[in-house]
C-alpha atoms as a PDB file:
ATOM      1  CA  MET A   1      85.242  83.740  35.676  1.00  0.00           C
ATOM      2  CA  ILE A   2      84.497  82.375  32.204  1.00  0.00           C
ATOM      3  CA  LEU A   3      81.693  84.914  31.777  1.00  0.00           C
ATOM      4  CA  ALA A   4      84.119  87.745  32.542  1.00  0.00           C
ATOM      5  CA  LEU A   5      86.466  86.500  29.795  1.00  0.00           C
ATOM      6  CA  ILE A   6      83.880  86.427  26.995  1.00  0.00           C
ATOM      7  CA  PRO A   7      83.823  90.164  26.037  1.00  0.00           C
ATOM      8  CA  GLY A   8      87.625  90.340  26.088  1.00  0.00           C
ATOM      9  CA  LEU A   9      88.074  87.198  23.996  1.00  0.00           C
ATOM     10  CA  ALA A  10      85.470  88.398  21.498  1.00  0.00           C
ATOM     11  CA  THR A  11      87.262  91.752  21.225  1.00  0.00           C
ATOM     12  CA  VAL A  12      90.621  90.077  20.618  1.00  0.00           C
ATOM     13  CA  ALA A  13      89.083  87.888  17.899  1.00  0.00           C
ATOM     14  CA  LEU A  14      87.569  90.947  16.185  1.00  0.00           C
ATOM     15  CA  GLN A  15      90.850  92.845  16.367  1.00  0.00           C
ATOM     16  CA  VAL A  16      92.792  89.934  14.900  1.00  0.00           C
ATOM     17  CA  SER A  17      90.346  90.027  11.985  1.00  0.00           C
ATOM     18  CA  LEU A  18      90.721  93.812  11.807  1.00  0.00           C
ATOM     19  CA  LEU A  19      94.527  93.626  11.671  1.00  0.00           C
ATOM     20  CA  PHE A  20      94.269  91.027   8.905  1.00  0.00           C
ATOM     21  CA  VAL A  21      91.976  93.359   6.925  1.00  0.00           C
ATOM     22  CA  LEU A  22      94.360  96.297   7.429  1.00  0.00           C
ATOM     23  CA  ILE A  23      97.264  94.225   6.105  1.00  0.00           C
ATOM     24  CA  ARG A  24      95.293  92.710   3.222  1.00  0.00           C
ATOM     25  CA  LYS A  25      94.051  96.109   2.048  1.00  0.00           C
ATOM     26  CA  HIS A  26      97.517  97.678   2.424  1.00  0.00           C
ATOM     27  CA  LEU A  27      96.178 100.208   4.941  1.00  0.00           C
ATOM     28  CA  VAL A  28      98.952  99.777   7.498  1.00  0.00           C
ATOM     29  CA  THR A  29     101.065 102.515   5.883  1.00  0.00           C
ATOM     30  CA  ARG A  30      98.045 104.811   5.659  1.00  0.00           C
ATOM     31  CA  PHE A  31      97.032 104.236   9.294  1.00  0.00           C
ATOM     32  CA  PRO A  32     100.343 103.304  10.984  1.00  0.00           C
ATOM     33  CA  TRP A  33      99.333 104.418  14.475  1.00  0.00           C
ATOM     34  CA  PHE A  34      95.937 102.761  14.351  1.00  0.00           C
ATOM     35  CA  SER A  35      97.557  99.568  13.069  1.00  0.00           C
ATOM     36  CA  ALA A  36     100.105  99.682  15.903  1.00  0.00           C
ATOM     37  CA  TYR A  37      97.287 100.279  18.376  1.00  0.00           C
ATOM     38  CA  THR A  38      95.379  97.288  17.031  1.00  0.00           C
ATOM     39  CA  GLY A  39      98.429  95.023  17.241  1.00  0.00           C
ATOM     40  CA  TYR A  40      99.178  96.134  20.792  1.00  0.00           C
ATOM     41  CA  SER A  41      95.531  95.637  21.798  1.00  0.00           C
ATOM     42  CA  ILE A  42      95.684  92.025  20.622  1.00  0.00           C
ATOM     43  CA  ALA A  43      98.835  91.305  22.629  1.00  0.00           C
ATOM     44  CA  ALA A  44      97.591  93.131  25.747  1.00  0.00           C
ATOM     45  CA  GLY A  45      94.176  91.474  25.508  1.00  0.00           C
ATOM     46  CA  ILE A  46      95.705  87.999  25.349  1.00  0.00           C
ATOM     47  CA  LEU A  47      98.005  88.728  28.316  1.00  0.00           C
ATOM     48  CA  ARG A  48      95.151  90.118  30.392  1.00  0.00           C
ATOM     49  CA  GLY A  49      92.946  87.158  29.537  1.00  0.00           C
ATOM     50  CA  ILE A  50      95.585  84.629  30.590  1.00  0.00           C
ATOM     51  CA  LEU A  51      96.251  86.376  33.910  1.00  0.00           C
ATOM     52  CA  LEU A  52      92.540  86.786  34.638  1.00  0.00           C
ATOM     53  CA  HIS A  53      91.769  83.152  33.812  1.00  0.00           C
ATOM     54  CA  ARG A  54      94.519  81.943  36.141  1.00  0.00           C
ATOM     55  CA  GLY A  55      93.490  84.379  38.858  1.00  0.00           C
ATOM     56  CA  HIS A  56      97.059  85.635  38.943  1.00  0.00           C
ATOM     57  CA  ALA A  57      97.934  88.278  41.510  1.00  0.00           C
ATOM     58  CA  LEU A  58      99.694  90.295  38.811  1.00  0.00           C
ATOM     59  CA  TYR A  59      96.475  90.837  36.835  1.00  0.00           C
ATOM     60  CA  THR A  60      95.666  94.195  38.432  1.00  0.00           C
ATOM     61  CA  TYR A  61      99.203  95.480  37.887  1.00  0.00           C
ATOM     62  CA  ALA A  62      99.287  94.198  34.303  1.00  0.00           C
ATOM     63  CA  TYR A  63      95.899  95.747  33.568  1.00  0.00           C
ATOM     64  CA  TRP A  64      96.722  99.241  34.771  1.00  0.00           C
ATOM     65  CA  LEU A  65     100.317  99.350  33.569  1.00  0.00           C
ATOM     66  CA  SER A  66      99.222  98.216  30.099  1.00  0.00           C
ATOM     67  CA  GLU A  67      96.884 101.224  30.049  1.00  0.00           C
ATOM     68  CA  ILE A  68      99.848 103.564  29.558  1.00  0.00           C
ATOM     69  CA  PRO A  69     100.825 102.208  26.094  1.00  0.00           C
ATOM     70  CA  TYR A  70      97.095 102.032  25.340  1.00  0.00           C
ATOM     71  CA  ALA A  71      96.866 105.746  26.116  1.00  0.00           C
ATOM     72  CA  VAL A  72      99.889 106.742  24.009  1.00  0.00           C
ATOM     73  CA  LEU A  73      98.925 104.654  20.991  1.00  0.00           C
ATOM     74  CA  GLY A  74      95.245 105.551  21.348  1.00  0.00           C
ATOM     75  CA  ILE A  75      95.930 109.288  21.323  1.00  0.00           C
ATOM     76  CA  ALA A  76      98.283 108.916  18.349  1.00  0.00           C
ATOM     77  CA  ALA A  77      95.740 106.826  16.403  1.00  0.00           C
ATOM     78  CA  LEU A  78      92.909 109.209  17.226  1.00  0.00           C
ATOM     79  CA  CYS A  79      94.832 112.333  16.245  1.00  0.00           C
ATOM     80  CA  GLU A  80      95.975 110.553  13.088  1.00  0.00           C
ATOM     81  CA  ALA A  81      92.349 109.829  12.148  1.00  0.00           C
ATOM     82  CA  LEU A  82      90.976 113.289  12.964  1.00  0.00           C
ATOM     83  CA  ASP A  83      93.807 114.926  11.025  1.00  0.00           C
ATOM     84  CA  LYS A  84      92.872 112.860   7.950  1.00  0.00           C
ATOM     85  CA  VAL A  85      89.241 113.939   8.300  1.00  0.00           C
ATOM     86  CA  VAL A  86      89.930 117.640   8.840  1.00  0.00           C
ATOM     87  CA  ARG A  87      93.018 118.155   6.656  1.00  0.00           C
ATOM     88  CA  PRO A  88      91.029 118.686   3.423  1.00  0.00           C
ATOM     89  CA  PHE A  89      89.461 121.730   5.077  1.00  0.00           C
ATOM     90  CA  TYR A  90      92.715 123.328   6.222  1.00  0.00           C
ATOM     91  CA  VAL A  91      92.188 125.931   3.492  1.00  0.00           C
ATOM     92  CA  VAL A  92      90.231 127.647   6.250  1.00  0.00           C
ATOM     93  CA  ARG A  93      93.018 128.572   8.672  1.00  0.00           C
ATOM     94  CA  ALA A  94      90.830 128.306  11.747  1.00  0.00           C
ATOM     95  CA  MET A  95      90.357 124.599  10.995  1.00  0.00           C
ATOM     96  CA  ARG A  96      94.043 124.000  11.725  1.00  0.00           C
ATOM     97  CA  LEU A  97      93.441 124.919  15.361  1.00  0.00           C
ATOM     98  CA  ILE A  98      90.683 122.359  15.937  1.00  0.00           C
ATOM     99  CA  LEU A  99      92.895 119.381  16.783  1.00  0.00           C
ATOM    100  CA  PRO A 100      95.369 121.142  19.136  1.00  0.00           C
ATOM    101  CA  ALA A 101      92.544 123.134  20.779  1.00  0.00           C
ATOM    102  CA  THR A 102      90.557 119.955  21.422  1.00  0.00           C
ATOM    103  CA  VAL A 103      93.580 118.164  22.879  1.00  0.00           C
ATOM    104  CA  VAL A 104      94.471 121.039  25.229  1.00  0.00           C
ATOM    105  CA  THR A 105      90.868 121.553  26.373  1.00  0.00           C
ATOM    106  CA  MET A 106      90.047 117.919  27.128  1.00  0.00           C
ATOM    107  CA  VAL A 107      93.390 117.204  28.837  1.00  0.00           C
ATOM    108  CA  ALA A 108      92.916 120.330  30.976  1.00  0.00           C
ATOM    109  CA  MET A 109      89.425 119.158  31.956  1.00  0.00           C
ATOM    110  CA  ALA A 110      90.843 115.789  32.989  1.00  0.00           C
ATOM    111  CA  GLY A 111      93.563 117.506  35.030  1.00  0.00           C
ATOM    112  CA  ILE A 112      90.992 119.669  36.821  1.00  0.00           C
ATOM    113  CA  HIS A 113      88.870 116.596  37.567  1.00  0.00           C
ATOM    114  CA  VAL A 114      91.797 114.718  39.100  1.00  0.00           C
ATOM    115  CA  LEU A 115      92.883 117.834  41.027  1.00  0.00           C
ATOM    116  CA  PHE A 116      89.500 118.312  42.706  1.00  0.00           C
ATOM    117  CA  HIS A 117      88.594 114.629  42.906  1.00  0.00           C
ATOM    118  CA  PRO A 118      91.872 112.833  43.666  1.00  0.00           C
ATOM    119  CA  PRO A 119      91.868 109.026  43.907  1.00  0.00           C
ATOM    120  CA  ILE A 120      91.252 107.825  47.450  1.00  0.00           C
ATOM    121  CA  GLU A 121      93.933 105.653  49.062  1.00  0.00           C
ATOM    122  CA  GLN A 122      95.950 105.273  45.889  1.00  0.00           C
ATOM    123  CA  SER A 123      99.703 105.361  45.427  1.00  0.00           C
ATOM    124  CA  ARG A 124     101.280 108.004  43.208  1.00  0.00           C
ATOM    125  CA  LEU A 125     101.773 105.437  40.440  1.00  0.00           C
ATOM    126  CA  TRP A 126      98.122 104.397  40.336  1.00  0.00           C
ATOM    127  CA  ALA A 127      96.998 107.998  40.651  1.00  0.00           C
ATOM    128  CA  MET A 128      99.144 108.914  37.643  1.00  0.00           C
ATOM    129  CA  VAL A 129      97.839 105.983  35.579  1.00  0.00           C
ATOM    130  CA  LEU A 130      94.258 106.876  36.499  1.00  0.00           C
ATOM    131  CA  ALA A 131      94.820 110.519  35.566  1.00  0.00           C
ATOM    132  CA  VAL A 132      96.258 109.541  32.181  1.00  0.00           C
ATOM    133  CA  SER A 133      93.361 107.165  31.582  1.00  0.00           C
ATOM    134  CA  ILE A 134      90.791 109.860  32.381  1.00  0.00           C
ATOM    135  CA  ALA A 135      92.585 112.347  30.133  1.00  0.00           C
ATOM    136  CA  VAL A 136      92.548 109.898  27.240  1.00  0.00           C
ATOM    137  CA  ARG A 137      88.834 109.095  27.679  1.00  0.00           C
ATOM    138  CA  ASN A 138      87.990 112.805  27.811  1.00  0.00           C
ATOM    139  CA  LEU A 139      90.017 113.431  24.692  1.00  0.00           C
ATOM    140  CA  GLN A 140      88.312 110.600  22.826  1.00  0.00           C
ATOM    141  CA  VAL A 141      84.851 111.863  23.745  1.00  0.00           C
ATOM    142  CA  GLY A 142      85.846 115.443  22.928  1.00  0.00           C
ATOM    143  CA  ILE A 143      87.126 114.544  19.479  1.00  0.00           C
ATOM    144  CA  LEU A 144      83.944 112.563  18.794  1.00  0.00           C
ATOM    145  CA  ILE A 145      81.850 115.618  19.734  1.00  0.00           C
ATOM    146  CA  VAL A 146      84.022 117.850  17.524  1.00  0.00           C
ATOM    147  CA  LEU A 147      83.648 115.472  14.588  1.00  0.00           C
ATOM    148  CA  VAL A 148      79.870 115.289  14.982  1.00  0.00           C
ATOM    149  CA  GLY A 149      79.727 119.074  15.126  1.00  0.00           C
ATOM    150  CA  LEU A 150      81.900 119.465  12.039  1.00  0.00           C
ATOM    151  CA  SER A 151      79.745 116.965  10.160  1.00  0.00           C
ATOM    152  CA  LEU A 152      76.799 119.298  10.612  1.00  0.00           C
ATOM    153  CA  VAL A 153      78.516 122.203   8.851  1.00  0.00           C
ATOM    154  CA  LEU A 154      81.072 120.565   6.548  1.00  0.00           C
ATOM    155  CA  PRO A 155      80.571 118.101   3.684  1.00  0.00           C
ATOM    156  CA  ILE A 156      82.661 115.399   5.354  1.00  0.00           C
ATOM    157  CA  ALA A 157      82.706 112.023   3.600  1.00  0.00           C
ATOM    158  CA  ARG A 158      81.158 110.093   6.472  1.00  0.00           C
ATOM    159  CA  LYS A 159      81.971 106.616   5.171  1.00  0.00           C
ATOM    160  CA  GLN A 160      85.715 107.133   5.129  1.00  0.00           C
ATOM    161  CA  TYR A 161      87.783 104.894   7.367  1.00  0.00           C
ATOM    162  CA  ALA A 162      89.171 107.725   9.488  1.00  0.00           C
ATOM    163  CA  VAL A 163      85.660 108.748  10.563  1.00  0.00           C
ATOM    164  CA  SER A 164      84.907 105.234  11.810  1.00  0.00           C
ATOM    165  CA  VAL A 165      88.166 105.235  13.799  1.00  0.00           C
ATOM    166  CA  VAL A 166      87.038 108.381  15.639  1.00  0.00           C
ATOM    167  CA  HIS A 167      83.527 106.984  16.151  1.00  0.00           C
ATOM    168  CA  GLY A 168      84.882 103.758  17.632  1.00  0.00           C
ATOM    169  CA  PHE A 169      87.214 105.479  20.077  1.00  0.00           C
ATOM    170  CA  GLY A 170      84.535 107.966  21.099  1.00  0.00           C
ATOM    171  CA  ILE A 171      81.834 105.371  21.722  1.00  0.00           C
ATOM    172  CA  ALA A 172      84.238 103.168  23.703  1.00  0.00           C
ATOM    173  CA  ALA A 173      85.299 106.147  25.817  1.00  0.00           C
ATOM    174  CA  CYS A 174      81.675 107.126  26.518  1.00  0.00           C
ATOM    175  CA  GLY A 175      80.934 103.611  27.748  1.00  0.00           C
ATOM    176  CA  MET A 176      84.031 103.520  29.932  1.00  0.00           C
ATOM    177  CA  LEU A 177      83.387 106.928  31.468  1.00  0.00           C
ATOM    178  CA  ILE A 178      79.776 106.026  32.249  1.00  0.00           C
ATOM    179  CA  SER A 179      80.925 102.772  33.815  1.00  0.00           C
ATOM    180  CA  GLY A 180      83.474 104.715  35.860  1.00  0.00           C
ATOM    181  CA  VAL A 181      80.775 107.009  37.218  1.00  0.00           C
ATOM    182  CA  ILE A 182      78.622 104.024  38.121  1.00  0.00           C
ATOM    183  CA  ARG A 183      81.600 102.340  39.773  1.00  0.00           C
ATOM    184  CA  SER A 184      82.299 105.375  41.971  1.00  0.00           C
ATOM    185  CA  GLN A 185      78.701 106.305  42.804  1.00  0.00           C
ATOM    186  CA  TYR A 186      76.798 103.024  42.789  1.00  0.00           C
ATOM    187  CA  TYR A 187      79.447 100.383  43.419  1.00  0.00           C
ATOM    188  CA  GLU A 188      77.071  97.903  45.065  1.00  0.00           C
ATOM    189  CA  LYS A 189      74.333  98.507  42.509  1.00  0.00           C
ATOM    190  CA  LEU A 190      74.169  98.011  38.745  1.00  0.00           C
ATOM    191  CA  ILE A 191      76.861  95.354  39.076  1.00  0.00           C
ATOM    192  CA  ILE A 192      76.535  94.158  35.470  1.00  0.00           C
ATOM    193  CA  VAL A 193      77.077  97.662  34.073  1.00  0.00           C
ATOM    194  CA  ARG A 194      79.930  98.250  36.526  1.00  0.00           C
ATOM    195  CA  ASP A 195      81.792  95.057  35.693  1.00  0.00           C
ATOM    196  CA  PHE A 196      80.980  94.550  32.004  1.00  0.00           C
ATOM    197  CA  GLY A 197      80.376  98.105  30.788  1.00  0.00           C
ATOM    198  CA  PRO A 198      83.971  98.926  29.743  1.00  0.00           C
ATOM    199  CA  ALA A 199      84.485  95.552  28.018  1.00  0.00           C
ATOM    200  CA  VAL A 200      81.193  95.798  26.103  1.00  0.00           C
ATOM    201  CA  ALA A 201      81.931  99.410  25.119  1.00  0.00           C
ATOM    202  CA  TYR A 202      85.319  98.415  23.716  1.00  0.00           C
ATOM    203  CA  LEU A 203      83.771  95.404  21.999  1.00  0.00           C
ATOM    204  CA  THR A 204      81.322  97.786  20.305  1.00  0.00           C
ATOM    205  CA  ALA A 205      84.239  99.887  19.070  1.00  0.00           C
ATOM    206  CA  ALA A 206      85.931  96.796  17.607  1.00  0.00           C
ATOM    207  CA  VAL A 207      82.704  95.917  15.776  1.00  0.00           C
ATOM    208  CA  ILE A 208      82.501  99.443  14.330  1.00  0.00           C
ATOM    209  CA  TRP A 209      86.119  99.342  13.136  1.00  0.00           C
ATOM    210  CA  LEU A 210      85.918  95.891  11.583  1.00  0.00           C
ATOM    211  CA  ARG A 211      82.630  96.618   9.844  1.00  0.00           C
ATOM    212  CA  SER A 212      84.002  99.865   8.433  1.00  0.00           C
ATOM    213  CA  PHE A 213      87.356  98.590   7.190  1.00  0.00           C
ATOM    214  CA  ARG A 214      85.793  95.531   5.569  1.00  0.00           C
ATOM    215  CA  ARG A 215      83.606  97.584   3.264  1.00  0.00           C
ATOM    216  CA  ARG A 216      84.641  99.794   0.388  1.00  0.00           C
ATOM    217  CA  GLU A 217      85.602 103.283   1.442  1.00  0.00           C
ATOM    218  CA  GLU A 218      83.622 106.235   0.127  1.00  0.00           C
ATOM    219  CA  LEU A 219      85.711 109.365  -0.187  1.00  0.00           C
ATOM    220  CA  TYR A 220      85.422 112.484  -2.332  1.00  0.00           C
ATOM    221  CA  GLY A 221      84.759 110.787  -5.641  1.00  0.00           C
ATOM    222  CA  LYS A 222      87.954 109.019  -6.677  1.00  0.00           C
ATOM    223  CA  TYR A 223      90.122 111.059  -4.348  1.00  0.00           C
ATOM    224  CA  GLU A 224      91.097 110.911  -0.699  1.00  0.00           C
ATOM    225  CA  THR A 225      90.690 114.692  -0.432  1.00  0.00           C
ATOM    226  CA  PRO A 226      88.227 117.093  -2.107  1.00  0.00           C
ATOM    227  CA  SER A 227      88.974 118.225  -5.657  1.00  0.00           C
ATOM    228  CA  PRO A 228      90.392 121.738  -6.301  1.00  0.00           C
ATOM    229  CA  ASP A 229      86.982 122.871  -7.571  1.00  0.00           C
ATOM    230  CA  PHE A 230      85.375 121.646  -4.379  1.00  0.00           C
ATOM    231  CA  VAL A 231      87.961 123.484  -2.286  1.00  0.00           C
ATOM    232  CA  ALA A 232      87.343 126.696  -4.225  1.00  0.00           C
ATOM    233  CA  GLU A 233      83.605 126.409  -3.660  1.00  0.00           C
ATOM    234  CA  MET A 234      84.184 125.758   0.006  1.00  0.00           C
ATOM    235  CA  ARG A 235      86.328 128.891   0.304  1.00  0.00           C
ATOM    236  CA  LYS A 236      83.498 130.955  -1.154  1.00  0.00           C
ATOM    237  CA  GLU A 237      80.935 129.329   1.140  1.00  0.00           C
ATOM    238  CA  TRP A 238      82.983 129.970   4.284  1.00  0.00           C
ATOM    239  CA  SER A 239      83.678 133.552   3.221  1.00  0.00           C
ATOM    240  CA  ARG A 240      79.953 134.062   2.761  1.00  0.00           C
ATOM    241  CA  ARG A 241      79.191 132.600   6.197  1.00  0.00           C
ATOM    242  CA  LEU A 242      81.831 134.721   7.933  1.00  0.00           C
ATOM    243  CA  ARG A 243      80.407 137.913   6.407  1.00  0.00           C
ATOM    244  CA  ARG A 244      76.988 137.230   7.979  1.00  0.00           C
END
């Protein structure tokens, strides 16, 4: 039981430190949704830890029901971060479609998955929570893939805080989805990965966030967005590429 608590307690400790850094650096107003997500994660993590330690019968209900606010705040924080990364490049109109297109695509994929692979022997409530959870994980992975792809063709400032937010969510989602596959296909095997995979994946995300927000942010020189000269050069470059 104590072993099962360690990843969760470590994650809560890291997120308390992260929230302190966000407040100390006056980043709460710049990342309001991510700050709200971090605060909620601390409270939910403490509640889950207490119920798990006491072996309370309500733990399962508390765990899954707390996933709904996690999903809402997580999506808001993730979209907030990706918008900050991509917004400087909105001079190219097609870039404005990236976020909504990614959201629609990944949510649709999650819906198709649940439609063709419905939860076995689950009530409507748990089926709905599971569907929302899958949709959120798909969205997080999808946005991570989009960001990596954009980084290959755009001069994105990779050490900005918003990029690390996307990386953290994406890596955590990858770990949780892999653990979910293992849980459904190899339940009696790979027990460590099955039971500790999601917690370790989320712990990794917390490490990424704390490490990023503690250091000095590197943006576009002194500015949060590219300079007008940079934007003009980018317009010319994209026009040249589109004419090929």
